[in-house]
Amino acid sequence: MATTKTTTSAAIEPIDRLEEKIKVLVNMIGRLKGEQARAAEDSARLTREVEALRSRLEDAEGASAEVSALRDERDQIRARVSDMLQQLDALNL
């Protein structure tokens, strides 16, 4: 009977090791799924931030173009006013 118990005990050891490895793998899979979920949330958050920054950049570029157009218009008005002042000076009033 001692040999049967030893044989049974020896046969169970590989099963016990396999069970422990499976538990470790299950825990690892659970941890990896959690990390994947966090990574997906971070990715979604960063995507939203990038889109918001792109929108702000487009707004800034539009404002820059508007400022440039207003400066050009101001320069044209200055030139016209200068010409009018010269014409008034030429009249000697």
N, C-alpha and C. Protein backbone atom coordinates (compact mmCIF):
# COMPACT_ATOMS: atom_id res chain seq x y z
N MET A 1 0.81 -1.18 0.00
CA MET A 1 0.00 0.00 0.00
C MET A 1 0.86 1.26 0.00
N ALA A 2 2.03 1.19 0.57
CA ALA A 2 2.94 2.32 0.63
C ALA A 2 3.37 2.72 -0.78
N THR A 3 3.57 1.70 -1.67
CA THR A 3 3.96 2.00 -3.04
C THR A 3 2.82 2.68 -3.79
N THR A 4 1.62 2.30 -3.52
CA THR A 4 0.47 2.90 -4.20
C THR A 4 0.33 4.35 -3.79
N LYS A 5 0.52 4.63 -2.49
CA LYS A 5 0.43 6.01 -2.02
C LYS A 5 1.55 6.85 -2.61
N THR A 6 2.73 6.30 -2.68
CA THR A 6 3.86 7.02 -3.24
C THR A 6 3.62 7.27 -4.72
N THR A 7 3.12 6.29 -5.44
CA THR A 7 2.83 6.42 -6.86
C THR A 7 1.74 7.46 -7.07
N THR A 8 0.69 7.40 -6.26
CA THR A 8 -0.41 8.36 -6.37
C THR A 8 0.10 9.76 -6.06
N SER A 9 0.91 9.87 -5.01
CA SER A 9 1.48 11.17 -4.63
C SER A 9 2.38 11.71 -5.74
N ALA A 10 3.16 10.85 -6.34
CA ALA A 10 4.05 11.26 -7.42
C ALA A 10 3.26 11.66 -8.66
N ALA A 11 2.13 11.00 -8.88
CA ALA A 11 1.30 11.33 -10.04
C ALA A 11 0.56 12.65 -9.83
N ILE A 12 0.28 13.00 -8.59
CA ILE A 12 -0.47 14.22 -8.29
C ILE A 12 0.43 15.45 -8.35
N GLU A 13 1.70 15.32 -8.08
CA GLU A 13 2.61 16.46 -8.08
C GLU A 13 2.61 17.21 -9.41
N PRO A 14 2.70 16.52 -10.56
CA PRO A 14 2.65 17.27 -11.83
C PRO A 14 1.31 17.99 -12.01
N ILE A 15 0.23 17.40 -11.52
CA ILE A 15 -1.08 18.04 -11.64
C ILE A 15 -1.13 19.28 -10.76
N ASP A 16 -0.55 19.19 -9.57
CA ASP A 16 -0.51 20.35 -8.68
C ASP A 16 0.30 21.49 -9.30
N ARG A 17 1.44 21.16 -9.90
CA ARG A 17 2.27 22.17 -10.56
C ARG A 17 1.51 22.80 -11.73
N LEU A 18 0.80 21.95 -12.49
CA LEU A 18 0.00 22.45 -13.61
C LEU A 18 -1.10 23.38 -13.11
N GLU A 19 -1.74 23.00 -12.02
CA GLU A 19 -2.79 23.84 -11.44
C GLU A 19 -2.23 25.20 -11.03
N GLU A 20 -1.06 25.21 -10.40
CA GLU A 20 -0.45 26.47 -9.98
C GLU A 20 -0.10 27.33 -11.19
N LYS A 21 0.43 26.70 -12.23
CA LYS A 21 0.77 27.45 -13.44
C LYS A 21 -0.48 28.04 -14.08
N ILE A 22 -1.55 27.28 -14.08
CA ILE A 22 -2.81 27.77 -14.65
C ILE A 22 -3.32 28.95 -13.83
N LYS A 23 -3.24 28.88 -12.50
CA LYS A 23 -3.67 29.98 -11.65
C LYS A 23 -2.85 31.23 -11.93
N VAL A 24 -1.54 31.04 -12.08
CA VAL A 24 -0.66 32.17 -12.38
C VAL A 24 -1.04 32.78 -13.72
N LEU A 25 -1.30 31.93 -14.72
CA LEU A 25 -1.68 32.43 -16.05
C LEU A 25 -3.02 33.15 -16.02
N VAL A 26 -3.97 32.63 -15.26
CA VAL A 26 -5.28 33.28 -15.14
C VAL A 26 -5.12 34.66 -14.51
N ASN A 27 -4.31 34.74 -13.45
CA ASN A 27 -4.05 36.03 -12.82
C ASN A 27 -3.36 37.00 -13.78
N MET A 28 -2.41 36.48 -14.53
CA MET A 28 -1.69 37.30 -15.49
C MET A 28 -2.64 37.81 -16.57
N ILE A 29 -3.52 36.96 -17.05
CA ILE A 29 -4.48 37.37 -18.08
C ILE A 29 -5.40 38.46 -17.53
N GLY A 30 -5.85 38.29 -16.30
CA GLY A 30 -6.69 39.31 -15.68
C GLY A 30 -5.96 40.65 -15.58
N ARG A 31 -4.71 40.60 -15.16
CA ARG A 31 -3.91 41.81 -15.04
C ARG A 31 -3.71 42.47 -16.41
N LEU A 32 -3.41 41.64 -17.42
CA LEU A 32 -3.19 42.17 -18.77
C LEU A 32 -4.47 42.79 -19.33
N LYS A 33 -5.61 42.19 -19.04
CA LYS A 33 -6.87 42.77 -19.51
C LYS A 33 -7.11 44.13 -18.86
N GLY A 34 -6.79 44.23 -17.58
CA GLY A 34 -6.92 45.52 -16.90
C GLY A 34 -6.00 46.56 -17.49
N GLU A 35 -4.75 46.16 -17.76
CA GLU A 35 -3.79 47.08 -18.37
C GLU A 35 -4.24 47.50 -19.76
N GLN A 36 -4.81 46.55 -20.50
CA GLN A 36 -5.30 46.85 -21.84
C GLN A 36 -6.46 47.86 -21.77
N ALA A 37 -7.34 47.67 -20.82
CA ALA A 37 -8.47 48.60 -20.66
C ALA A 37 -7.96 49.99 -20.31
N ARG A 38 -6.98 50.07 -19.40
CA ARG A 38 -6.41 51.37 -19.05
C ARG A 38 -5.71 52.01 -20.25
N ALA A 39 -5.01 51.19 -21.02
CA ALA A 39 -4.32 51.71 -22.20
C ALA A 39 -5.34 52.22 -23.23
N ALA A 40 -6.45 51.51 -23.38
CA ALA A 40 -7.49 51.95 -24.32
C ALA A 40 -8.10 53.27 -23.85
N GLU A 41 -8.33 53.41 -22.54
CA GLU A 41 -8.86 54.66 -22.00
C GLU A 41 -7.87 55.80 -22.21
N ASP A 42 -6.59 55.54 -21.96
CA ASP A 42 -5.57 56.56 -22.17
C ASP A 42 -5.51 56.96 -23.64
N SER A 43 -5.59 55.98 -24.51
CA SER A 43 -5.54 56.24 -25.94
C SER A 43 -6.73 57.11 -26.36
N ALA A 44 -7.92 56.77 -25.87
CA ALA A 44 -9.11 57.56 -26.20
C ALA A 44 -8.98 58.98 -25.67
N ARG A 45 -8.48 59.12 -24.44
CA ARG A 45 -8.30 60.45 -23.84
C ARG A 45 -7.30 61.26 -24.65
N LEU A 46 -6.18 60.63 -25.02
CA LEU A 46 -5.16 61.33 -25.78
C LEU A 46 -5.66 61.70 -27.18
N THR A 47 -6.48 60.84 -27.77
CA THR A 47 -7.06 61.14 -29.08
C THR A 47 -7.95 62.37 -28.98
N ARG A 48 -8.76 62.44 -27.91
CA ARG A 48 -9.61 63.61 -27.71
C ARG A 48 -8.76 64.87 -27.51
N GLU A 49 -7.69 64.75 -26.75
CA GLU A 49 -6.81 65.89 -26.53
C GLU A 49 -6.16 66.36 -27.83
N VAL A 50 -5.74 65.41 -28.65
CA VAL A 50 -5.12 65.76 -29.93
C VAL A 50 -6.13 66.49 -30.81
N GLU A 51 -7.36 65.99 -30.85
CA GLU A 51 -8.39 66.64 -31.66
C GLU A 51 -8.67 68.05 -31.15
N ALA A 52 -8.72 68.22 -29.83
CA ALA A 52 -8.96 69.54 -29.26
C ALA A 52 -7.81 70.48 -29.62
N LEU A 53 -6.58 69.98 -29.55
CA LEU A 53 -5.42 70.80 -29.90
C LEU A 53 -5.40 71.15 -31.38
N ARG A 54 -5.82 70.21 -32.21
CA ARG A 54 -5.90 70.50 -33.65
C ARG A 54 -6.92 71.59 -33.92
N SER A 55 -8.03 71.52 -33.23
CA SER A 55 -9.07 72.54 -33.38
C SER A 55 -8.55 73.90 -32.94
N ARG A 56 -7.85 73.92 -31.80
CA ARG A 56 -7.28 75.19 -31.33
C ARG A 56 -6.24 75.72 -32.31
N LEU A 57 -5.45 74.81 -32.90
CA LEU A 57 -4.45 75.23 -33.88
C LEU A 57 -5.12 75.83 -35.11
N GLU A 58 -6.20 75.21 -35.58
CA GLU A 58 -6.92 75.74 -36.73
C GLU A 58 -7.48 77.13 -36.40
N ASP A 59 -8.03 77.28 -35.19
CA ASP A 59 -8.54 78.59 -34.77
C ASP A 59 -7.42 79.63 -34.75
N ALA A 60 -6.28 79.23 -34.21
CA ALA A 60 -5.14 80.15 -34.13
C ALA A 60 -4.65 80.53 -35.53
N GLU A 61 -4.61 79.55 -36.43
CA GLU A 61 -4.18 79.85 -37.79
C GLU A 61 -5.16 80.80 -38.47
N GLY A 62 -6.45 80.58 -38.22
CA GLY A 62 -7.47 81.48 -38.78
C GLY A 62 -7.32 82.88 -38.22
N ALA A 63 -7.08 82.98 -36.92
CA ALA A 63 -6.89 84.29 -36.29
C ALA A 63 -5.64 84.96 -36.84
N SER A 64 -4.60 84.18 -37.05
CA SER A 64 -3.36 84.74 -37.59
C SER A 64 -3.59 85.29 -39.00
N ALA A 65 -4.33 84.56 -39.80
CA ALA A 65 -4.63 85.02 -41.16
C ALA A 65 -5.47 86.29 -41.11
N GLU A 66 -6.42 86.34 -40.17
CA GLU A 66 -7.26 87.53 -40.03
C GLU A 66 -6.43 88.74 -39.61
N VAL A 67 -5.51 88.53 -38.67
CA VAL A 67 -4.63 89.62 -38.22
C VAL A 67 -3.78 90.11 -39.38
N SER A 68 -3.28 89.19 -40.16
CA SER A 68 -2.46 89.56 -41.32
C SER A 68 -3.28 90.38 -42.31
N ALA A 69 -4.51 89.96 -42.57
CA ALA A 69 -5.37 90.69 -43.49
C ALA A 69 -5.69 92.08 -42.96
N LEU A 70 -5.94 92.18 -41.65
CA LEU A 70 -6.22 93.48 -41.05
C LEU A 70 -5.00 94.40 -41.11
N ARG A 71 -3.81 93.86 -40.94
CA ARG A 71 -2.59 94.67 -41.05
C ARG A 71 -2.41 95.19 -42.47
N ASP A 72 -2.67 94.32 -43.45
CA ASP A 72 -2.58 94.75 -44.84
C ASP A 72 -3.58 95.87 -45.13
N GLU A 73 -4.79 95.69 -44.62
CA GLU A 73 -5.83 96.71 -44.81
C GLU A 73 -5.42 98.03 -44.14
N ARG A 74 -4.87 97.94 -42.94
CA ARG A 74 -4.40 99.13 -42.22
C ARG A 74 -3.32 99.86 -43.03
N ASP A 75 -2.39 99.08 -43.60
CA ASP A 75 -1.32 99.68 -44.40
C ASP A 75 -1.89 100.38 -45.63
N GLN A 76 -2.90 99.79 -46.25
CA GLN A 76 -3.53 100.41 -47.42
C GLN A 76 -4.22 101.71 -47.02
N ILE A 77 -4.91 101.69 -45.88
CA ILE A 77 -5.60 102.90 -45.40
C ILE A 77 -4.60 103.99 -45.09
N ARG A 78 -3.49 103.61 -44.44
CA ARG A 78 -2.44 104.60 -44.15
C ARG A 78 -1.91 105.24 -45.43
N ALA A 79 -1.69 104.40 -46.44
CA ALA A 79 -1.17 104.91 -47.71
C ALA A 79 -2.17 105.87 -48.34
N ARG A 80 -3.46 105.52 -48.30
CA ARG A 80 -4.49 106.39 -48.90
C ARG A 80 -4.60 107.71 -48.14
N VAL A 81 -4.58 107.61 -46.80
CA VAL A 81 -4.66 108.82 -45.99
C VAL A 81 -3.45 109.70 -46.25
N SER A 82 -2.28 109.09 -46.35
CA SER A 82 -1.06 109.86 -46.64
C SER A 82 -1.19 110.56 -47.99
N ASP A 83 -1.72 109.85 -48.98
CA ASP A 83 -1.92 110.46 -50.30
C ASP A 83 -2.91 111.63 -50.21
N MET A 84 -3.98 111.46 -49.46
CA MET A 84 -4.97 112.53 -49.32
C MET A 84 -4.36 113.75 -48.62
N LEU A 85 -3.56 113.50 -47.60
CA LEU A 85 -2.90 114.60 -46.90
C LEU A 85 -1.93 115.35 -47.83
N GLN A 86 -1.22 114.63 -48.66
CA GLN A 86 -0.33 115.26 -49.62
C GLN A 86 -1.12 116.10 -50.61
N GLN A 87 -2.26 115.60 -51.05
CA GLN A 87 -3.10 116.35 -52.00
C GLN A 87 -3.63 117.60 -51.33
N LEU A 88 -4.02 117.50 -50.04
CA LEU A 88 -4.50 118.68 -49.32
C LEU A 88 -3.38 119.71 -49.14
N ASP A 89 -2.19 119.24 -48.84
CA ASP A 89 -1.06 120.14 -48.73
C ASP A 89 -0.77 120.84 -50.06
N ALA A 90 -0.96 120.13 -51.12
CA ALA A 90 -0.70 120.68 -52.46
C ALA A 90 -1.70 121.78 -52.80
N LEU A 91 -2.88 121.77 -52.22
CA LEU A 91 -3.89 122.78 -52.50
C LEU A 91 -3.56 124.11 -51.83
N ASN A 92 -2.71 124.12 -50.85
CA ASN A 92 -2.30 125.33 -50.12
C ASN A 92 -3.50 126.07 -49.56
N LEU A 93 -4.31 125.37 -48.82
CA LEU A 93 -5.48 126.04 -48.23
C LEU A 93 -5.18 126.66 -46.95
